[in-house]
Amino acid sequence: MNLTPNQQSVLLVLITEWQTAIQVASQLPKASGAPSNVNQFLKDLIREGLVHANPIVLGMYRLTSNGTTTKMDLLRE
């Protein structure tokens, strides 16, 4: 899978604990950190199976096990 630099940035700030898109956006550079941009990047990462949306509390996201593995691979590069 080929992730864009912005998708990679979002993936790198996500953790295995639930976070809101605003929490994620606050950890990103201004250019890619707008909440509307982050929401789109999160949707893209969900489609890739790297991020999981909370089925009970809307707007909460965390890494899947595949997302954690991909994040670790990116950190090693």
PDB file of N, CA and C in Angstrom:
ATOM      1  N   MET A   1       0.848  -1.172   0.000  1.00  0.00           N
ATOM      2  CA  MET A   1       0.000   0.000   0.000  1.00  0.00           C
ATOM      3  C   MET A   1       0.889   1.230   0.000  1.00  0.00           C
ATOM      4  N   ASN A   2       0.495   2.209  -0.764  1.00  0.00           N
ATOM      5  CA  ASN A   2       1.228   3.464  -0.852  1.00  0.00           C
ATOM      6  C   ASN A   2       0.448   4.544  -0.127  1.00  0.00           C
ATOM      7  N   LEU A   3       1.017   5.019   0.961  1.00  0.00           N
ATOM      8  CA  LEU A   3       0.386   6.080   1.735  1.00  0.00           C
ATOM      9  C   LEU A   3       0.996   7.417   1.336  1.00  0.00           C
ATOM     10  N   THR A   4       0.163   8.441   1.261  1.00  0.00           N
ATOM     11  CA  THR A   4       0.664   9.781   0.987  1.00  0.00           C
ATOM     12  C   THR A   4       1.433  10.276   2.212  1.00  0.00           C
ATOM     13  N   PRO A   5       2.272  11.290   2.032  1.00  0.00           N
ATOM     14  CA  PRO A   5       2.975  11.845   3.203  1.00  0.00           C
ATOM     15  C   PRO A   5       2.022  12.299   4.307  1.00  0.00           C
ATOM     16  N   ASN A   6       0.871  12.881   3.935  1.00  0.00           N
ATOM     17  CA  ASN A   6      -0.093  13.322   4.956  1.00  0.00           C
ATOM     18  C   ASN A   6      -0.716  12.130   5.680  1.00  0.00           C
ATOM     19  N   GLN A   7      -1.042  11.068   4.949  1.00  0.00           N
ATOM     20  CA  GLN A   7      -1.579   9.867   5.585  1.00  0.00           C
ATOM     21  C   GLN A   7      -0.539   9.271   6.523  1.00  0.00           C
ATOM     22  N   GLN A   8       0.730   9.280   6.107  1.00  0.00           N
ATOM     23  CA  GLN A   8       1.796   8.772   6.964  1.00  0.00           C
ATOM     24  C   GLN A   8       1.909   9.602   8.236  1.00  0.00           C
ATOM     25  N   SER A   9       1.794  10.919   8.105  1.00  0.00           N
ATOM     26  CA  SER A   9       1.874  11.797   9.281  1.00  0.00           C
ATOM     27  C   SER A   9       0.769  11.474  10.279  1.00  0.00           C
ATOM     28  N   VAL A  10      -0.452  11.291   9.764  1.00  0.00           N
ATOM     29  CA  VAL A  10      -1.581  10.961  10.649  1.00  0.00           C
ATOM     30  C   VAL A  10      -1.340   9.608  11.301  1.00  0.00           C
ATOM     31  N   LEU A  11      -0.892   8.639  10.521  1.00  0.00           N
ATOM     32  CA  LEU A  11      -0.632   7.305  11.061  1.00  0.00           C
ATOM     33  C   LEU A  11       0.412   7.363  12.175  1.00  0.00           C
ATOM     34  N   LEU A  12       1.433   8.181  11.995  1.00  0.00           N
ATOM     35  CA  LEU A  12       2.513   8.254  12.976  1.00  0.00           C
ATOM     36  C   LEU A  12       2.103   8.893  14.297  1.00  0.00           C
ATOM     37  N   VAL A  13       1.077   9.742  14.291  1.00  0.00           N
ATOM     38  CA  VAL A  13       0.654  10.346  15.561  1.00  0.00           C
ATOM     39  C   VAL A  13      -0.444   9.542  16.254  1.00  0.00           C
ATOM     40  N   LEU A  14      -1.069   8.629  15.525  1.00  0.00           N
ATOM     41  CA  LEU A  14      -2.101   7.796  16.155  1.00  0.00           C
ATOM     42  C   LEU A  14      -1.471   6.780  17.095  1.00  0.00           C
ATOM     43  N   ILE A  15      -2.225   6.401  18.115  1.00  0.00           N
ATOM     44  CA  ILE A  15      -1.795   5.389  19.074  1.00  0.00           C
ATOM     45  C   ILE A  15      -2.895   4.337  19.199  1.00  0.00           C
ATOM     46  N   THR A  16      -2.685   3.362  20.057  1.00  0.00           N
ATOM     47  CA  THR A  16      -3.684   2.303  20.219  1.00  0.00           C
ATOM     48  C   THR A  16      -4.807   2.694  21.172  1.00  0.00           C
ATOM     49  N   GLU A  17      -4.718   3.870  21.790  1.00  0.00           N
ATOM     50  CA  GLU A  17      -5.793   4.389  22.631  1.00  0.00           C
ATOM     51  C   GLU A  17      -6.697   5.263  21.771  1.00  0.00           C
ATOM     52  N   TRP A  18      -7.975   5.362  22.141  1.00  0.00           N
ATOM     53  CA  TRP A  18      -8.923   6.162  21.374  1.00  0.00           C
ATOM     54  C   TRP A  18      -8.548   7.630  21.412  1.00  0.00           C
ATOM     55  N   GLN A  19      -8.608   8.280  20.238  1.00  0.00           N
ATOM     56  CA  GLN A  19      -8.349   9.713  20.109  1.00  0.00           C
ATOM     57  C   GLN A  19      -9.385  10.322  19.177  1.00  0.00           C
ATOM     58  N   THR A  20      -9.648  11.604  19.367  1.00  0.00           N
ATOM     59  CA  THR A  20     -10.522  12.320  18.439  1.00  0.00           C
ATOM     60  C   THR A  20      -9.680  12.867  17.286  1.00  0.00           C
ATOM     61  N   ALA A  21     -10.357  13.239  16.209  1.00  0.00           N
ATOM     62  CA  ALA A  21      -9.655  13.838  15.068  1.00  0.00           C
ATOM     63  C   ALA A  21      -8.987  15.152  15.483  1.00  0.00           C
ATOM     64  N   ILE A  22      -9.598  15.873  16.410  1.00  0.00           N
ATOM     65  CA  ILE A  22      -9.008  17.133  16.882  1.00  0.00           C
ATOM     66  C   ILE A  22      -7.720  16.867  17.641  1.00  0.00           C
ATOM     67  N   GLN A  23      -7.694  15.806  18.456  1.00  0.00           N
ATOM     68  CA  GLN A  23      -6.462  15.451  19.164  1.00  0.00           C
ATOM     69  C   GLN A  23      -5.360  15.094  18.179  1.00  0.00           C
ATOM     70  N   VAL A  24      -5.722  14.349  17.149  1.00  0.00           N
ATOM     71  CA  VAL A  24      -4.744  13.975  16.127  1.00  0.00           C
ATOM     72  C   VAL A  24      -4.260  15.225  15.411  1.00  0.00           C
ATOM     73  N   ALA A  25      -5.194  16.085  14.994  1.00  0.00           N
ATOM     74  CA  ALA A  25      -4.844  17.303  14.256  1.00  0.00           C
ATOM     75  C   ALA A  25      -3.913  18.202  15.066  1.00  0.00           C
ATOM     76  N   SER A  26      -4.112  18.254  16.371  1.00  0.00           N
ATOM     77  CA  SER A  26      -3.282  19.130  17.211  1.00  0.00           C
ATOM     78  C   SER A  26      -1.826  18.685  17.261  1.00  0.00           C
ATOM     79  N   GLN A  27      -1.550  17.439  16.872  1.00  0.00           N
ATOM     80  CA  GLN A  27      -0.186  16.923  16.893  1.00  0.00           C
ATOM     81  C   GLN A  27       0.505  17.011  15.533  1.00  0.00           C
ATOM     82  N   LEU A  28      -0.202  17.521  14.537  1.00  0.00           N
ATOM     83  CA  LEU A  28       0.328  17.598  13.176  1.00  0.00           C
ATOM     84  C   LEU A  28       0.768  19.012  12.833  1.00  0.00           C
ATOM     85  N   PRO A  29       1.662  19.139  11.821  1.00  0.00           N
ATOM     86  CA  PRO A  29       2.010  20.481  11.337  1.00  0.00           C
ATOM     87  C   PRO A  29       0.764  21.193  10.810  1.00  0.00           C
ATOM     88  N   LYS A  30       0.767  22.504  10.821  1.00  0.00           N
ATOM     89  CA  LYS A  30      -0.391  23.301  10.415  1.00  0.00           C
ATOM     90  C   LYS A  30      -0.928  22.912   9.037  1.00  0.00           C
ATOM     91  N   ALA A  31      -0.059  22.648   8.073  1.00  0.00           N
ATOM     92  CA  ALA A  31      -0.482  22.394   6.686  1.00  0.00           C
ATOM     93  C   ALA A  31      -1.429  21.203   6.574  1.00  0.00           C
ATOM     94  N   SER A  32      -1.142  20.142   7.304  1.00  0.00           N
ATOM     95  CA  SER A  32      -1.986  18.950   7.197  1.00  0.00           C
ATOM     96  C   SER A  32      -2.869  18.755   8.414  1.00  0.00           C
ATOM     97  N   GLY A  33      -2.770  19.660   9.374  1.00  0.00           N
ATOM     98  CA  GLY A  33      -3.452  19.466  10.641  1.00  0.00           C
ATOM     99  C   GLY A  33      -4.854  20.022  10.761  1.00  0.00           C
ATOM    100  N   ALA A  34      -5.428  20.508   9.669  1.00  0.00           N
ATOM    101  CA  ALA A  34      -6.804  20.988   9.740  1.00  0.00           C
ATOM    102  C   ALA A  34      -7.729  19.801   9.997  1.00  0.00           C
ATOM    103  N   PRO A  35      -8.669  19.929  10.930  1.00  0.00           N
ATOM    104  CA  PRO A  35      -9.541  18.791  11.257  1.00  0.00           C
ATOM    105  C   PRO A  35     -10.250  18.184  10.045  1.00  0.00           C
ATOM    106  N   SER A  36     -10.651  19.011   9.080  1.00  0.00           N
ATOM    107  CA  SER A  36     -11.326  18.438   7.905  1.00  0.00           C
ATOM    108  C   SER A  36     -10.363  17.576   7.094  1.00  0.00           C
ATOM    109  N   ASN A  37      -9.106  18.007   6.989  1.00  0.00           N
ATOM    110  CA  ASN A  37      -8.099  17.193   6.305  1.00  0.00           C
ATOM    111  C   ASN A  37      -7.854  15.897   7.057  1.00  0.00           C
ATOM    112  N   VAL A  38      -7.724  16.008   8.369  1.00  0.00           N
ATOM    113  CA  VAL A  38      -7.446  14.828   9.196  1.00  0.00           C
ATOM    114  C   VAL A  38      -8.586  13.822   9.080  1.00  0.00           C
ATOM    115  N   ASN A  39      -9.830  14.300   9.053  1.00  0.00           N
ATOM    116  CA  ASN A  39     -10.963  13.388   8.897  1.00  0.00           C
ATOM    117  C   ASN A  39     -10.854  12.588   7.607  1.00  0.00           C
ATOM    118  N   GLN A  40     -10.466  13.242   6.513  1.00  0.00           N
ATOM    119  CA  GLN A  40     -10.323  12.531   5.240  1.00  0.00           C
ATOM    120  C   GLN A  40      -9.184  11.526   5.312  1.00  0.00           C
ATOM    121  N   PHE A  41      -8.063  11.908   5.911  1.00  0.00           N
ATOM    122  CA  PHE A  41      -6.932  10.990   6.041  1.00  0.00           C
ATOM    123  C   PHE A  41      -7.312   9.785   6.911  1.00  0.00           C
ATOM    124  N   LEU A  42      -8.083  10.027   7.966  1.00  0.00           N
ATOM    125  CA  LEU A  42      -8.535   8.927   8.822  1.00  0.00           C
ATOM    126  C   LEU A  42      -9.442   7.972   8.040  1.00  0.00           C
ATOM    127  N   LYS A  43     -10.343   8.521   7.234  1.00  0.00           N
ATOM    128  CA  LYS A  43     -11.210   7.670   6.410  1.00  0.00           C
ATOM    129  C   LYS A  43     -10.389   6.820   5.453  1.00  0.00           C
ATOM    130  N   ASP A  44      -9.366   7.431   4.855  1.00  0.00           N
ATOM    131  CA  ASP A  44      -8.485   6.681   3.948  1.00  0.00           C
ATOM    132  C   ASP A  44      -7.781   5.551   4.688  1.00  0.00           C
ATOM    133  N   LEU A  45      -7.307   5.836   5.890  1.00  0.00           N
ATOM    134  CA  LEU A  45      -6.587   4.825   6.675  1.00  0.00           C
ATOM    135  C   LEU A  45      -7.529   3.724   7.165  1.00  0.00           C
ATOM    136  N   ILE A  46      -8.786   4.076   7.426  1.00  0.00           N
ATOM    137  CA  ILE A  46      -9.788   3.062   7.800  1.00  0.00           C
ATOM    138  C   ILE A  46      -9.993   2.108   6.633  1.00  0.00           C
ATOM    139  N   ARG A  47     -10.110   2.665   5.418  1.00  0.00           N
ATOM    140  CA  ARG A  47     -10.284   1.815   4.227  1.00  0.00           C
ATOM    141  C   ARG A  47      -9.110   0.879   4.015  1.00  0.00           C
ATOM    142  N   GLU A  48      -7.926   1.305   4.415  1.00  0.00           N
ATOM    143  CA  GLU A  48      -6.720   0.479   4.285  1.00  0.00           C
ATOM    144  C   GLU A  48      -6.610  -0.550   5.416  1.00  0.00           C
ATOM    145  N   GLY A  49      -7.480  -0.434   6.421  1.00  0.00           N
ATOM    146  CA  GLY A  49      -7.442  -1.364   7.549  1.00  0.00           C
ATOM    147  C   GLY A  49      -6.408  -1.017   8.595  1.00  0.00           C
ATOM    148  N   LEU A  50      -5.934   0.229   8.587  1.00  0.00           N
ATOM    149  CA  LEU A  50      -4.888   0.638   9.521  1.00  0.00           C
ATOM    150  C   LEU A  50      -5.433   1.357  10.749  1.00  0.00           C
ATOM    151  N   VAL A  51      -6.644   1.864  10.637  1.00  0.00           N
ATOM    152  CA  VAL A  51      -7.281   2.617  11.721  1.00  0.00           C
ATOM    153  C   VAL A  51      -8.678   2.059  11.942  1.00  0.00           C
ATOM    154  N   HIS A  52      -9.098   2.072  13.193  1.00  0.00           N
ATOM    155  CA  HIS A  52     -10.410   1.563  13.583  1.00  0.00           C
ATOM    156  C   HIS A  52     -11.208   2.716  14.180  1.00  0.00           C
ATOM    157  N   ALA A  53     -12.450   2.876  13.742  1.00  0.00           N
ATOM    158  CA  ALA A  53     -13.346   3.885  14.314  1.00  0.00           C
ATOM    159  C   ALA A  53     -14.162   3.233  15.424  1.00  0.00           C
ATOM    160  N   ASN A  54     -14.336   3.947  16.513  1.00  0.00           N
ATOM    161  CA  ASN A  54     -15.104   3.434  17.644  1.00  0.00           C
ATOM    162  C   ASN A  54     -16.571   3.295  17.225  1.00  0.00           C
ATOM    163  N   PRO A  55     -17.133   2.087  17.349  1.00  0.00           N
ATOM    164  CA  PRO A  55     -18.524   1.890  16.927  1.00  0.00           C
ATOM    165  C   PRO A  55     -19.552   2.465  17.908  1.00  0.00           C
ATOM    166  N   ILE A  56     -19.119   2.796  19.112  1.00  0.00           N
ATOM    167  CA  ILE A  56     -20.044   3.290  20.134  1.00  0.00           C
ATOM    168  C   ILE A  56     -19.949   4.801  20.291  1.00  0.00           C
ATOM    169  N   VAL A  57     -18.734   5.306  20.332  1.00  0.00           N
ATOM    170  CA  VAL A  57     -18.514   6.747  20.494  1.00  0.00           C
ATOM    171  C   VAL A  57     -18.008   7.289  19.157  1.00  0.00           C
ATOM    172  N   LEU A  58     -18.872   7.998  18.457  1.00  0.00           N
ATOM    173  CA  LEU A  58     -18.508   8.521  17.144  1.00  0.00           C
ATOM    174  C   LEU A  58     -17.364   9.526  17.249  1.00  0.00           C
ATOM    175  N   GLY A  59     -16.503   9.517  16.238  1.00  0.00           N
ATOM    176  CA  GLY A  59     -15.410  10.480  16.179  1.00  0.00           C
ATOM    177  C   GLY A  59     -14.183  10.090  16.962  1.00  0.00           C
ATOM    178  N   MET A  60     -14.084   8.829  17.380  1.00  0.00           N
ATOM    179  CA  MET A  60     -12.921   8.338  18.111  1.00  0.00           C
ATOM    180  C   MET A  60     -12.214   7.297  17.245  1.00  0.00           C
ATOM    181  N   TYR A  61     -10.895   7.377  17.193  1.00  0.00           N
ATOM    182  CA  TYR A  61     -10.111   6.517  16.317  1.00  0.00           C
ATOM    183  C   TYR A  61      -8.896   5.978  17.051  1.00  0.00           C
ATOM    184  N   ARG A  62      -8.433   4.797  16.594  1.00  0.00           N
ATOM    185  CA  ARG A  62      -7.186   4.237  17.122  1.00  0.00           C
ATOM    186  C   ARG A  62      -6.587   3.327  16.059  1.00  0.00           C
ATOM    187  N   LEU A  63      -5.333   2.968  16.265  1.00  0.00           N
ATOM    188  CA  LEU A  63      -4.645   2.076  15.343  1.00  0.00           C
ATOM    189  C   LEU A  63      -5.163   0.647  15.475  1.00  0.00           C
ATOM    190  N   THR A  64      -5.203  -0.061  14.360  1.00  0.00           N
ATOM    191  CA  THR A  64      -5.447  -1.502  14.386  1.00  0.00           C
ATOM    192  C   THR A  64      -4.087  -2.174  14.550  1.00  0.00           C
ATOM    193  N   SER A  65      -4.073  -3.488  14.655  1.00  0.00           N
ATOM    194  CA  SER A  65      -2.784  -4.187  14.754  1.00  0.00           C
ATOM    195  C   SER A  65      -1.983  -3.989  13.465  1.00  0.00           C
ATOM    196  N   ASN A  66      -2.669  -3.978  12.301  1.00  0.00           N
ATOM    197  CA  ASN A  66      -1.973  -3.701  11.038  1.00  0.00           C
ATOM    198  C   ASN A  66      -1.440  -2.278  11.014  1.00  0.00           C
ATOM    199  N   GLY A  67      -2.196  -1.361  11.572  1.00  0.00           N
ATOM    200  CA  GLY A  67      -1.751   0.025  11.650  1.00  0.00           C
ATOM    201  C   GLY A  67      -0.522   0.176  12.526  1.00  0.00           C
ATOM    202  N   THR A  68      -0.488  -0.549  13.627  1.00  0.00           N
ATOM    203  CA  THR A  68       0.672  -0.513  14.521  1.00  0.00           C
ATOM    204  C   THR A  68       1.905  -1.056  13.812  1.00  0.00           C
ATOM    205  N   THR A  69       1.734  -2.156  13.072  1.00  0.00           N
ATOM    206  CA  THR A  69       2.846  -2.752  12.328  1.00  0.00           C
ATOM    207  C   THR A  69       3.355  -1.789  11.260  1.00  0.00           C
ATOM    208  N   THR A  70       2.433  -1.172  10.529  1.00  0.00           N
ATOM    209  CA  THR A  70       2.807  -0.223   9.487  1.00  0.00           C
ATOM    210  C   THR A  70       3.509   0.987  10.092  1.00  0.00           C
ATOM    211  N   LYS A  71       3.011   1.460  11.232  1.00  0.00           N
ATOM    212  CA  LYS A  71       3.640   2.592  11.916  1.00  0.00           C
ATOM    213  C   LYS A  71       5.072   2.233  12.311  1.00  0.00           C
ATOM    214  N   MET A  72       5.277   1.057  12.851  1.00  0.00           N
ATOM    215  CA  MET A  72       6.618   0.631  13.239  1.00  0.00           C
ATOM    216  C   MET A  72       7.534   0.546  12.017  1.00  0.00           C
ATOM    217  N   ASP A  73       7.011   0.052  10.901  1.00  0.00           N
ATOM    218  CA  ASP A  73       7.797  -0.009   9.660  1.00  0.00           C
ATOM    219  C   ASP A  73       8.200   1.393   9.204  1.00  0.00           C
ATOM    220  N   LEU A  74       7.279   2.352   9.287  1.00  0.00           N
ATOM    221  CA  LEU A  74       7.581   3.719   8.897  1.00  0.00           C
ATOM    222  C   LEU A  74       8.646   4.342   9.807  1.00  0.00           C
ATOM    223  N   LEU A  75       8.573   4.023  11.083  1.00  0.00           N
ATOM    224  CA  LEU A  75       9.551   4.570  12.036  1.00  0.00           C
ATOM    225  C   LEU A  75      10.950   3.998  11.795  1.00  0.00           C
ATOM    226  N   ARG A  76      11.019   2.796  11.263  1.00  0.00           N
ATOM    227  CA  ARG A  76      12.319   2.160  10.980  1.00  0.00           C
ATOM    228  C   ARG A  76      12.972   2.727   9.724  1.00  0.00           C
ATOM    229  N   GLU A  77      12.169   3.320   8.835  1.00  0.00           N
ATOM    230  CA  GLU A  77      12.727   3.839   7.565  1.00  0.00           C
ATOM    231  C   GLU A  77      13.617   5.026   7.770  1.00  0.00           C
TER     232      GLU A  77
END
